Amino acid sequence: MLLRDFVNTLQQGEPPMGVSTLLEALWYDAKGNWVKAHGLAQSVHTARGAWVHAYLHRKEGDLANAAYWYARARKEVPMISLDEEWERICTILLSNF
């Protein structure tokens, strides 16, 4: 699945079948359901899970918590927009789909 295909699923009422928990979290985030996205992200105990978790706290505005999760993900706090980061994370996760 390409990023544009994933973005097109945002018109639907449910995330696409078979996507990872982290892509599902980013789908819910894009739909405006931060709480659902956060719950899904924090259930994945990997570096990529920490990255999505970090992004969500950055979006929330909790920059100290975000910095902690970026460190857990072994990532620098990004200097790009939230939209750009969402696309970057999705693209990487989709490359494994």
PDB file of N, CA and C in Angstrom:
ATOM      1  N   MET A   1       0.854  -1.174   0.000  1.00  0.00           N
ATOM      2  CA  MET A   1       0.000   0.000   0.000  1.00  0.00           C
ATOM      3  C   MET A   1       0.897   1.233   0.000  1.00  0.00           C
ATOM      4  N   LEU A   2       0.554   2.190  -0.827  1.00  0.00           N
ATOM      5  CA  LEU A   2       1.281   3.454  -0.890  1.00  0.00           C
ATOM      6  C   LEU A   2       0.646   4.471   0.053  1.00  0.00           C
ATOM      7  N   LEU A   3       1.404   5.519   0.358  1.00  0.00           N
ATOM      8  CA  LEU A   3       0.900   6.554   1.253  1.00  0.00           C
ATOM      9  C   LEU A   3      -0.415   7.128   0.742  1.00  0.00           C
ATOM     10  N   ARG A   4      -0.509   7.420  -0.534  1.00  0.00           N
ATOM     11  CA  ARG A   4      -1.750   8.010  -1.066  1.00  0.00           C
ATOM     12  C   ARG A   4      -2.933   7.064  -0.874  1.00  0.00           C
ATOM     13  N   ASP A   5      -2.691   5.752  -0.996  1.00  0.00           N
ATOM     14  CA  ASP A   5      -3.758   4.774  -0.777  1.00  0.00           C
ATOM     15  C   ASP A   5      -4.195   4.785   0.686  1.00  0.00           C
ATOM     16  N   PHE A   6      -3.218   4.867   1.580  1.00  0.00           N
ATOM     17  CA  PHE A   6      -3.516   4.916   3.013  1.00  0.00           C
ATOM     18  C   PHE A   6      -4.308   6.182   3.335  1.00  0.00           C
ATOM     19  N   VAL A   7      -3.874   7.304   2.794  1.00  0.00           N
ATOM     20  CA  VAL A   7      -4.573   8.573   3.026  1.00  0.00           C
ATOM     21  C   VAL A   7      -6.009   8.481   2.506  1.00  0.00           C
ATOM     22  N   ASN A   8      -6.210   7.845   1.374  1.00  0.00           N
ATOM     23  CA  ASN A   8      -7.562   7.698   0.823  1.00  0.00           C
ATOM     24  C   ASN A   8      -8.482   6.906   1.741  1.00  0.00           C
ATOM     25  N   THR A   9      -7.927   6.015   2.564  1.00  0.00           N
ATOM     26  CA  THR A   9      -8.775   5.238   3.486  1.00  0.00           C
ATOM     27  C   THR A   9      -9.339   6.105   4.599  1.00  0.00           C
ATOM     28  N   LEU A  10      -8.832   7.320   4.751  1.00  0.00           N
ATOM     29  CA  LEU A  10      -9.350   8.210   5.795  1.00  0.00           C
ATOM     30  C   LEU A  10     -10.793   8.630   5.509  1.00  0.00           C
ATOM     31  N   GLN A  11     -11.247   8.381   4.293  1.00  0.00           N
ATOM     32  CA  GLN A  11     -12.639   8.670   3.930  1.00  0.00           C
ATOM     33  C   GLN A  11     -13.590   7.588   4.449  1.00  0.00           C
ATOM     34  N   GLN A  12     -13.020   6.476   4.883  1.00  0.00           N
ATOM     35  CA  GLN A  12     -13.822   5.351   5.367  1.00  0.00           C
ATOM     36  C   GLN A  12     -14.057   5.475   6.872  1.00  0.00           C
ATOM     37  N   GLY A  13     -14.951   4.664   7.365  1.00  0.00           N
ATOM     38  CA  GLY A  13     -15.286   4.696   8.787  1.00  0.00           C
ATOM     39  C   GLY A  13     -14.396   3.836   9.655  1.00  0.00           C
ATOM     40  N   GLU A  14     -13.635   2.958   9.046  1.00  0.00           N
ATOM     41  CA  GLU A  14     -12.747   2.049   9.779  1.00  0.00           C
ATOM     42  C   GLU A  14     -11.387   2.024   9.094  1.00  0.00           C
ATOM     43  N   PRO A  15     -10.320   1.743   9.874  1.00  0.00           N
ATOM     44  CA  PRO A  15      -9.002   1.641   9.248  1.00  0.00           C
ATOM     45  C   PRO A  15      -8.951   0.445   8.293  1.00  0.00           C
ATOM     46  N   PRO A  16      -8.027   0.477   7.355  1.00  0.00           N
ATOM     47  CA  PRO A  16      -7.939  -0.621   6.410  1.00  0.00           C
ATOM     48  C   PRO A  16      -7.596  -1.945   7.099  1.00  0.00           C
ATOM     49  N   MET A  17      -8.165  -3.013   6.582  1.00  0.00           N
ATOM     50  CA  MET A  17      -7.914  -4.343   7.137  1.00  0.00           C
ATOM     51  C   MET A  17      -6.442  -4.726   6.959  1.00  0.00           C
ATOM     52  N   GLY A  18      -5.897  -5.335   7.993  1.00  0.00           N
ATOM     53  CA  GLY A  18      -4.563  -5.903   7.889  1.00  0.00           C
ATOM     54  C   GLY A  18      -3.413  -4.964   8.152  1.00  0.00           C
ATOM     55  N   VAL A  19      -3.685  -3.681   8.431  1.00  0.00           N
ATOM     56  CA  VAL A  19      -2.565  -2.781   8.729  1.00  0.00           C
ATOM     57  C   VAL A  19      -2.068  -3.041  10.147  1.00  0.00           C
ATOM     58  N   SER A  20      -0.845  -2.649  10.392  1.00  0.00           N
ATOM     59  CA  SER A  20      -0.253  -2.835  11.711  1.00  0.00           C
ATOM     60  C   SER A  20      -0.956  -1.962  12.752  1.00  0.00           C
ATOM     61  N   THR A  21      -0.738  -2.284  13.988  1.00  0.00           N
ATOM     62  CA  THR A  21      -1.292  -1.498  15.095  1.00  0.00           C
ATOM     63  C   THR A  21      -0.816  -0.051  15.011  1.00  0.00           C
ATOM     64  N   LEU A  22       0.435   0.153  14.624  1.00  0.00           N
ATOM     65  CA  LEU A  22       0.964   1.522  14.549  1.00  0.00           C
ATOM     66  C   LEU A  22       0.335   2.305  13.408  1.00  0.00           C
ATOM     67  N   LEU A  23       0.111   1.661  12.272  1.00  0.00           N
ATOM     68  CA  LEU A  23      -0.594   2.356  11.185  1.00  0.00           C
ATOM     69  C   LEU A  23      -2.034   2.636  11.585  1.00  0.00           C
ATOM     70  N   GLU A  24      -2.630   1.720  12.308  1.00  0.00           N
ATOM     71  CA  GLU A  24      -3.983   1.962  12.803  1.00  0.00           C
ATOM     72  C   GLU A  24      -3.987   3.169  13.740  1.00  0.00           C
ATOM     73  N   ALA A  25      -2.970   3.276  14.591  1.00  0.00           N
ATOM     74  CA  ALA A  25      -2.866   4.432  15.489  1.00  0.00           C
ATOM     75  C   ALA A  25      -2.757   5.730  14.694  1.00  0.00           C
ATOM     76  N   LEU A  26      -1.938   5.729  13.660  1.00  0.00           N
ATOM     77  CA  LEU A  26      -1.789   6.938  12.846  1.00  0.00           C
ATOM     78  C   LEU A  26      -3.057   7.241  12.061  1.00  0.00           C
ATOM     79  N   TRP A  27      -3.791   6.222  11.665  1.00  0.00           N
ATOM     80  CA  TRP A  27      -5.069   6.410  10.988  1.00  0.00           C
ATOM     81  C   TRP A  27      -6.045   7.121  11.927  1.00  0.00           C
ATOM     82  N   TYR A  28      -6.151   6.609  13.179  1.00  0.00           N
ATOM     83  CA  TYR A  28      -7.055   7.248  14.142  1.00  0.00           C
ATOM     84  C   TYR A  28      -6.603   8.664  14.470  1.00  0.00           C
ATOM     85  N   ASP A  29      -5.302   8.882  14.551  1.00  0.00           N
ATOM     86  CA  ASP A  29      -4.801  10.232  14.786  1.00  0.00           C
ATOM     87  C   ASP A  29      -5.260  11.171  13.673  1.00  0.00           C
ATOM     88  N   ALA A  30      -5.108  10.736  12.429  1.00  0.00           N
ATOM     89  CA  ALA A  30      -5.518  11.569  11.303  1.00  0.00           C
ATOM     90  C   ALA A  30      -7.021  11.825  11.292  1.00  0.00           C
ATOM     91  N   LYS A  31      -7.780  10.930  11.874  1.00  0.00           N
ATOM     92  CA  LYS A  31      -9.236  11.089  11.965  1.00  0.00           C
ATOM     93  C   LYS A  31      -9.637  11.948  13.172  1.00  0.00           C
ATOM     94  N   GLY A  32      -8.644  12.382  13.963  1.00  0.00           N
ATOM     95  CA  GLY A  32      -8.932  13.248  15.098  1.00  0.00           C
ATOM     96  C   GLY A  32      -9.176  12.531  16.404  1.00  0.00           C
ATOM     97  N   ASN A  33      -8.900  11.237  16.449  1.00  0.00           N
ATOM     98  CA  ASN A  33      -9.115  10.471  17.682  1.00  0.00           C
ATOM     99  C   ASN A  33      -7.764  10.200  18.339  1.00  0.00           C
ATOM    100  N   TRP A  34      -7.215  11.231  18.988  1.00  0.00           N
ATOM    101  CA  TRP A  34      -5.906  11.135  19.620  1.00  0.00           C
ATOM    102  C   TRP A  34      -5.899  10.078  20.712  1.00  0.00           C
ATOM    103  N   VAL A  35      -6.947   9.995  21.497  1.00  0.00           N
ATOM    104  CA  VAL A  35      -6.990   9.050  22.623  1.00  0.00           C
ATOM    105  C   VAL A  35      -6.868   7.615  22.116  1.00  0.00           C
ATOM    106  N   LYS A  36      -7.630   7.264  21.095  1.00  0.00           N
ATOM    107  CA  LYS A  36      -7.550   5.916  20.512  1.00  0.00           C
ATOM    108  C   LYS A  36      -6.159   5.683  19.933  1.00  0.00           C
ATOM    109  N   ALA A  37      -5.635   6.672  19.220  1.00  0.00           N
ATOM    110  CA  ALA A  37      -4.300   6.557  18.627  1.00  0.00           C
ATOM    111  C   ALA A  37      -3.251   6.324  19.707  1.00  0.00           C
ATOM    112  N   HIS A  38      -3.331   7.077  20.780  1.00  0.00           N
ATOM    113  CA  HIS A  38      -2.365   6.954  21.865  1.00  0.00           C
ATOM    114  C   HIS A  38      -2.438   5.569  22.511  1.00  0.00           C
ATOM    115  N   GLY A  39      -3.641   5.097  22.756  1.00  0.00           N
ATOM    116  CA  GLY A  39      -3.800   3.770  23.354  1.00  0.00           C
ATOM    117  C   GLY A  39      -3.184   2.683  22.496  1.00  0.00           C
ATOM    118  N   LEU A  40      -3.375   2.779  21.200  1.00  0.00           N
ATOM    119  CA  LEU A  40      -2.786   1.792  20.296  1.00  0.00           C
ATOM    120  C   LEU A  40      -1.269   1.904  20.274  1.00  0.00           C
ATOM    121  N   ALA A  41      -0.759   3.122  20.168  1.00  0.00           N
ATOM    122  CA  ALA A  41       0.693   3.320  20.093  1.00  0.00           C
ATOM    123  C   ALA A  41       1.399   2.828  21.347  1.00  0.00           C
ATOM    124  N   GLN A  42       0.831   3.099  22.489  1.00  0.00           N
ATOM    125  CA  GLN A  42       1.528   2.709  23.718  1.00  0.00           C
ATOM    126  C   GLN A  42       1.462   1.202  23.968  1.00  0.00           C
ATOM    127  N   SER A  43       0.679   0.483  23.169  1.00  0.00           N
ATOM    128  CA  SER A  43       0.625  -0.969  23.321  1.00  0.00           C
ATOM    129  C   SER A  43       1.723  -1.680  22.528  1.00  0.00           C
ATOM    130  N   VAL A  44       2.466  -0.927  21.718  1.00  0.00           N
ATOM    131  CA  VAL A  44       3.529  -1.516  20.904  1.00  0.00           C
ATOM    132  C   VAL A  44       4.870  -1.163  21.532  1.00  0.00           C
ATOM    133  N   HIS A  45       5.546  -2.145  22.059  1.00  0.00           N
ATOM    134  CA  HIS A  45       6.774  -1.921  22.830  1.00  0.00           C
ATOM    135  C   HIS A  45       8.016  -2.162  21.972  1.00  0.00           C
ATOM    136  N   THR A  46       8.127  -1.345  20.922  1.00  0.00           N
ATOM    137  CA  THR A  46       9.285  -1.387  20.028  1.00  0.00           C
ATOM    138  C   THR A  46       9.757   0.043  19.807  1.00  0.00           C
ATOM    139  N   ALA A  47      10.888   0.184  19.121  1.00  0.00           N
ATOM    140  CA  ALA A  47      11.390   1.520  18.810  1.00  0.00           C
ATOM    141  C   ALA A  47      10.396   2.274  17.920  1.00  0.00           C
ATOM    142  N   ARG A  48       9.779   1.573  16.988  1.00  0.00           N
ATOM    143  CA  ARG A  48       8.790   2.238  16.135  1.00  0.00           C
ATOM    144  C   ARG A  48       7.542   2.617  16.933  1.00  0.00           C
ATOM    145  N   GLY A  49       7.160   1.789  17.869  1.00  0.00           N
ATOM    146  CA  GLY A  49       6.055   2.138  18.756  1.00  0.00           C
ATOM    147  C   GLY A  49       6.379   3.387  19.555  1.00  0.00           C
ATOM    148  N   ALA A  50       7.612   3.481  20.035  1.00  0.00           N
ATOM    149  CA  ALA A  50       8.048   4.671  20.771  1.00  0.00           C
ATOM    150  C   ALA A  50       8.035   5.899  19.871  1.00  0.00           C
ATOM    151  N   TRP A  51       8.359   5.713  18.595  1.00  0.00           N
ATOM    152  CA  TRP A  51       8.366   6.835  17.648  1.00  0.00           C
ATOM    153  C   TRP A  51       6.951   7.376  17.447  1.00  0.00           C
ATOM    154  N   VAL A  52       5.997   6.499  17.228  1.00  0.00           N
ATOM    155  CA  VAL A  52       4.608   6.941  17.068  1.00  0.00           C
ATOM    156  C   VAL A  52       4.121   7.580  18.363  1.00  0.00           C
ATOM    157  N   HIS A  53       4.470   6.978  19.482  1.00  0.00           N
ATOM    158  CA  HIS A  53       4.094   7.516  20.786  1.00  0.00           C
ATOM    159  C   HIS A  53       4.673   8.927  20.949  1.00  0.00           C
ATOM    160  N   ALA A  54       5.933   9.102  20.560  1.00  0.00           N
ATOM    161  CA  ALA A  54       6.589  10.414  20.644  1.00  0.00           C
ATOM    162  C   ALA A  54       5.868  11.438  19.783  1.00  0.00           C
ATOM    163  N   TYR A  55       5.583  11.059  18.548  1.00  0.00           N
ATOM    164  CA  TYR A  55       4.870  11.948  17.630  1.00  0.00           C
ATOM    165  C   TYR A  55       3.538  12.401  18.246  1.00  0.00           C
ATOM    166  N   LEU A  56       2.811  11.452  18.829  1.00  0.00           N
ATOM    167  CA  LEU A  56       1.505  11.793  19.403  1.00  0.00           C
ATOM    168  C   LEU A  56       1.638  12.770  20.569  1.00  0.00           C
ATOM    169  N   HIS A  57       2.665  12.594  21.413  1.00  0.00           N
ATOM    170  CA  HIS A  57       2.854  13.544  22.520  1.00  0.00           C
ATOM    171  C   HIS A  57       3.326  14.899  21.995  1.00  0.00           C
ATOM    172  N   ARG A  58       4.116  14.894  20.929  1.00  0.00           N
ATOM    173  CA  ARG A  58       4.502  16.166  20.305  1.00  0.00           C
ATOM    174  C   ARG A  58       3.254  16.872  19.781  1.00  0.00           C
ATOM    175  N   LYS A  59       2.377  16.127  19.139  1.00  0.00           N
ATOM    176  CA  LYS A  59       1.145  16.714  18.618  1.00  0.00           C
ATOM    177  C   LYS A  59       0.283  17.252  19.752  1.00  0.00           C
ATOM    178  N   GLU A  60       0.264  16.520  20.853  1.00  0.00           N
ATOM    179  CA  GLU A  60      -0.518  16.927  22.024  1.00  0.00           C
ATOM    180  C   GLU A  60       0.040  18.217  22.636  1.00  0.00           C
ATOM    181  N   GLY A  61       1.313  18.468  22.408  1.00  0.00           N
ATOM    182  CA  GLY A  61       1.966  19.639  22.987  1.00  0.00           C
ATOM    183  C   GLY A  61       2.754  19.329  24.240  1.00  0.00           C
ATOM    184  N   ASP A  62       2.838  18.054  24.620  1.00  0.00           N
ATOM    185  CA  ASP A  62       3.605  17.623  25.791  1.00  0.00           C
ATOM    186  C   ASP A  62       5.029  17.322  25.328  1.00  0.00           C
ATOM    187  N   LEU A  63       5.814  18.380  25.156  1.00  0.00           N
ATOM    188  CA  LEU A  63       7.129  18.238  24.539  1.00  0.00           C
ATOM    189  C   LEU A  63       8.128  17.490  25.401  1.00  0.00           C
ATOM    190  N   ALA A  64       8.015  17.590  26.722  1.00  0.00           N
ATOM    191  CA  ALA A  64       8.926  16.842  27.594  1.00  0.00           C
ATOM    192  C   ALA A  64       8.667  15.343  27.458  1.00  0.00           C
ATOM    193  N   ASN A  65       7.415  14.952  27.465  1.00  0.00           N
ATOM    194  CA  ASN A  65       7.059  13.545  27.295  1.00  0.00           C
ATOM    195  C   ASN A  65       7.454  13.079  25.898  1.00  0.00           C
ATOM    196  N   ALA A  66       7.224  13.905  24.899  1.00  0.00           N
ATOM    197  CA  ALA A  66       7.618  13.567  23.531  1.00  0.00           C
ATOM    198  C   ALA A  66       9.122  13.327  23.451  1.00  0.00           C
ATOM    199  N   ALA A  67       9.913  14.196  24.066  1.00  0.00           N
ATOM    200  CA  ALA A  67      11.373  14.045  24.033  1.00  0.00           C
ATOM    201  C   ALA A  67      11.795  12.715  24.646  1.00  0.00           C
ATOM    202  N   TYR A  68      11.154  12.328  25.738  1.00  0.00           N
ATOM    203  CA  TYR A  68      11.447  11.032  26.358  1.00  0.00           C
ATOM    204  C   TYR A  68      11.211   9.900  25.363  1.00  0.00           C
ATOM    205  N   TRP A  69      10.067   9.932  24.659  1.00  0.00           N
ATOM    206  CA  TRP A  69       9.727   8.858  23.731  1.00  0.00           C
ATOM    207  C   TRP A  69      10.588   8.896  22.476  1.00  0.00           C
ATOM    208  N   TYR A  70      10.981  10.085  22.023  1.00  0.00           N
ATOM    209  CA  TYR A  70      11.919  10.146  20.896  1.00  0.00           C
ATOM    210  C   TYR A  70      13.241   9.488  21.298  1.00  0.00           C
ATOM    211  N   ALA A  71      13.696   9.746  22.500  1.00  0.00           N
ATOM    212  CA  ALA A  71      14.930   9.104  22.975  1.00  0.00           C
ATOM    213  C   ALA A  71      14.765   7.587  23.011  1.00  0.00           C
ATOM    214  N   ARG A  72      13.617   7.112  23.485  1.00  0.00           N
ATOM    215  CA  ARG A  72      13.346   5.659  23.504  1.00  0.00           C
ATOM    216  C   ARG A  72      13.327   5.097  22.087  1.00  0.00           C
ATOM    217  N   ALA A  73      12.896   5.893  21.126  1.00  0.00           N
ATOM    218  CA  ALA A  73      12.846   5.475  19.724  1.00  0.00           C
ATOM    219  C   ALA A  73      14.200   5.633  19.032  1.00  0.00           C
ATOM    220  N   ARG A  74      15.163   6.213  19.747  1.00  0.00           N
ATOM    221  CA  ARG A  74      16.478   6.520  19.198  1.00  0.00           C
ATOM    222  C   ARG A  74      16.367   7.478  18.008  1.00  0.00           C
ATOM    223  N   LYS A  75      15.542   8.495  18.195  1.00  0.00           N
ATOM    224  CA  LYS A  75      15.313   9.522  17.176  1.00  0.00           C
ATOM    225  C   LYS A  75      15.539  10.895  17.800  1.00  0.00           C
ATOM    226  N   GLU A  76      16.009  11.819  16.969  1.00  0.00           N
ATOM    227  CA  GLU A  76      16.088  13.220  17.376  1.00  0.00           C
ATOM    228  C   GLU A  76      14.676  13.811  17.326  1.00  0.00           C
ATOM    229  N   VAL A  77      14.410  14.787  18.188  1.00  0.00           N
ATOM    230  CA  VAL A  77      13.143  15.501  18.099  1.00  0.00           C
ATOM    231  C   VAL A  77      13.142  16.216  16.754  1.00  0.00           C
ATOM    232  N   PRO A  78      12.148  15.970  15.918  1.00  0.00           N
ATOM    233  CA  PRO A  78      12.179  16.524  14.562  1.00  0.00           C
ATOM    234  C   PRO A  78      11.917  18.021  14.524  1.00  0.00           C
ATOM    235  N   MET A  79      12.437  18.616  13.484  1.00  0.00           N
ATOM    236  CA  MET A  79      12.246  20.049  13.255  1.00  0.00           C
ATOM    237  C   MET A  79      11.349  20.257  12.037  1.00  0.00           C
ATOM    238  N   ILE A  80      10.508  19.281  11.748  1.00  0.00           N
ATOM    239  CA  ILE A  80       9.577  19.360  10.621  1.00  0.00           C
ATOM    240  C   ILE A  80       8.164  19.492  11.179  1.00  0.00           C
ATOM    241  N   SER A  81       7.232  19.784  10.305  1.00  0.00           N
ATOM    242  CA  SER A  81       5.846  19.927  10.762  1.00  0.00           C
ATOM    243  C   SER A  81       5.295  18.569  11.203  1.00  0.00           C
ATOM    244  N   LEU A  82       4.230  18.616  11.966  1.00  0.00           N
ATOM    245  CA  LEU A  82       3.561  17.386  12.386  1.00  0.00           C
ATOM    246  C   LEU A  82       3.029  16.616  11.179  1.00  0.00           C
ATOM    247  N   ASP A  83       2.506  17.326  10.198  1.00  0.00           N
ATOM    248  CA  ASP A  83       2.010  16.662   8.991  1.00  0.00           C
ATOM    249  C   ASP A  83       3.132  15.934   8.259  1.00  0.00           C
ATOM    250  N   GLU A  84       4.282  16.583   8.152  1.00  0.00           N
ATOM    251  CA  GLU A  84       5.423  15.951   7.492  1.00  0.00           C
ATOM    252  C   GLU A  84       5.891  14.723   8.266  1.00  0.00           C
ATOM    253  N   GLU A  85       5.901  14.830   9.589  1.00  0.00           N
ATOM    254  CA  GLU A  85       6.326  13.680  10.379  1.00  0.00           C
ATOM    255  C   GLU A  85       5.326  12.532  10.250  1.00  0.00           C
ATOM    256  N   TRP A  86       4.031  12.840  10.266  1.00  0.00           N
ATOM    257  CA  TRP A  86       3.010  11.803  10.098  1.00  0.00           C
ATOM    258  C   TRP A  86       3.239  11.066   8.786  1.00  0.00           C
ATOM    259  N   GLU A  87       3.457  11.816   7.721  1.00  0.00           N
ATOM    260  CA  GLU A  87       3.694  11.205   6.414  1.00  0.00           C
ATOM    261  C   GLU A  87       4.967  10.371   6.408  1.00  0.00           C
ATOM    262  N   ARG A  88       6.015  10.860   7.038  1.00  0.00           N
ATOM    263  CA  ARG A  88       7.284  10.135   7.089  1.00  0.00           C
ATOM    264  C   ARG A  88       7.117   8.808   7.832  1.00  0.00           C
ATOM    265  N   ILE A  89       6.457   8.849   8.987  1.00  0.00           N
ATOM    266  CA  ILE A  89       6.259   7.617   9.752  1.00  0.00           C
ATOM    267  C   ILE A  89       5.396   6.640   8.960  1.00  0.00           C
ATOM    268  N   CYS A  90       4.306   7.124   8.405  1.00  0.00           N
ATOM    269  CA  CYS A  90       3.422   6.250   7.618  1.00  0.00           C
ATOM    270  C   CYS A  90       4.173   5.615   6.460  1.00  0.00           C
ATOM    271  N   THR A  91       4.959   6.398   5.751  1.00  0.00           N
ATOM    272  CA  THR A  91       5.697   5.879   4.599  1.00  0.00           C
ATOM    273  C   THR A  91       6.629   4.754   5.018  1.00  0.00           C
ATOM    274  N   ILE A  92       7.318   4.929   6.117  1.00  0.00           N
ATOM    275  CA  ILE A  92       8.232   3.897   6.596  1.00  0.00           C
ATOM    276  C   ILE A  92       7.463   2.652   7.034  1.00  0.00           C
ATOM    277  N   LEU A  93       6.386   2.851   7.777  1.00  0.00           N
ATOM    278  CA  LEU A  93       5.596   1.704   8.225  1.00  0.00           C
ATOM    279  C   LEU A  93       4.941   0.984   7.042  1.00  0.00           C
ATOM    280  N   LEU A  94       4.486   1.735   6.059  1.00  0.00           N
ATOM    281  CA  LEU A  94       3.854   1.134   4.886  1.00  0.00           C
ATOM    282  C   LEU A  94       4.862   0.356   4.034  1.00  0.00           C
ATOM    283  N   SER A  95       6.126   0.721   4.110  1.00  0.00           N
ATOM    284  CA  SER A  95       7.139   0.002   3.316  1.00  0.00           C
ATOM    285  C   SER A  95       7.296  -1.438   3.803  1.00  0.00           C
ATOM    286  N   ASN A  96       6.821  -1.713   5.005  1.00  0.00           N
ATOM    287  CA  ASN A  96       6.864  -3.066   5.561  1.00  0.00           C
ATOM    288  C   ASN A  96       5.526  -3.765   5.467  1.00  0.00           C
ATOM    289  N   PHE A  97       4.549  -3.128   4.849  1.00  0.00           N
ATOM    290  CA  PHE A  97       3.190  -3.659   4.783  1.00  0.00           C
ATOM    291  C   PHE A  97       3.059  -4.691   3.682  1.00  0.00           C
TER     292      PHE A  97
END
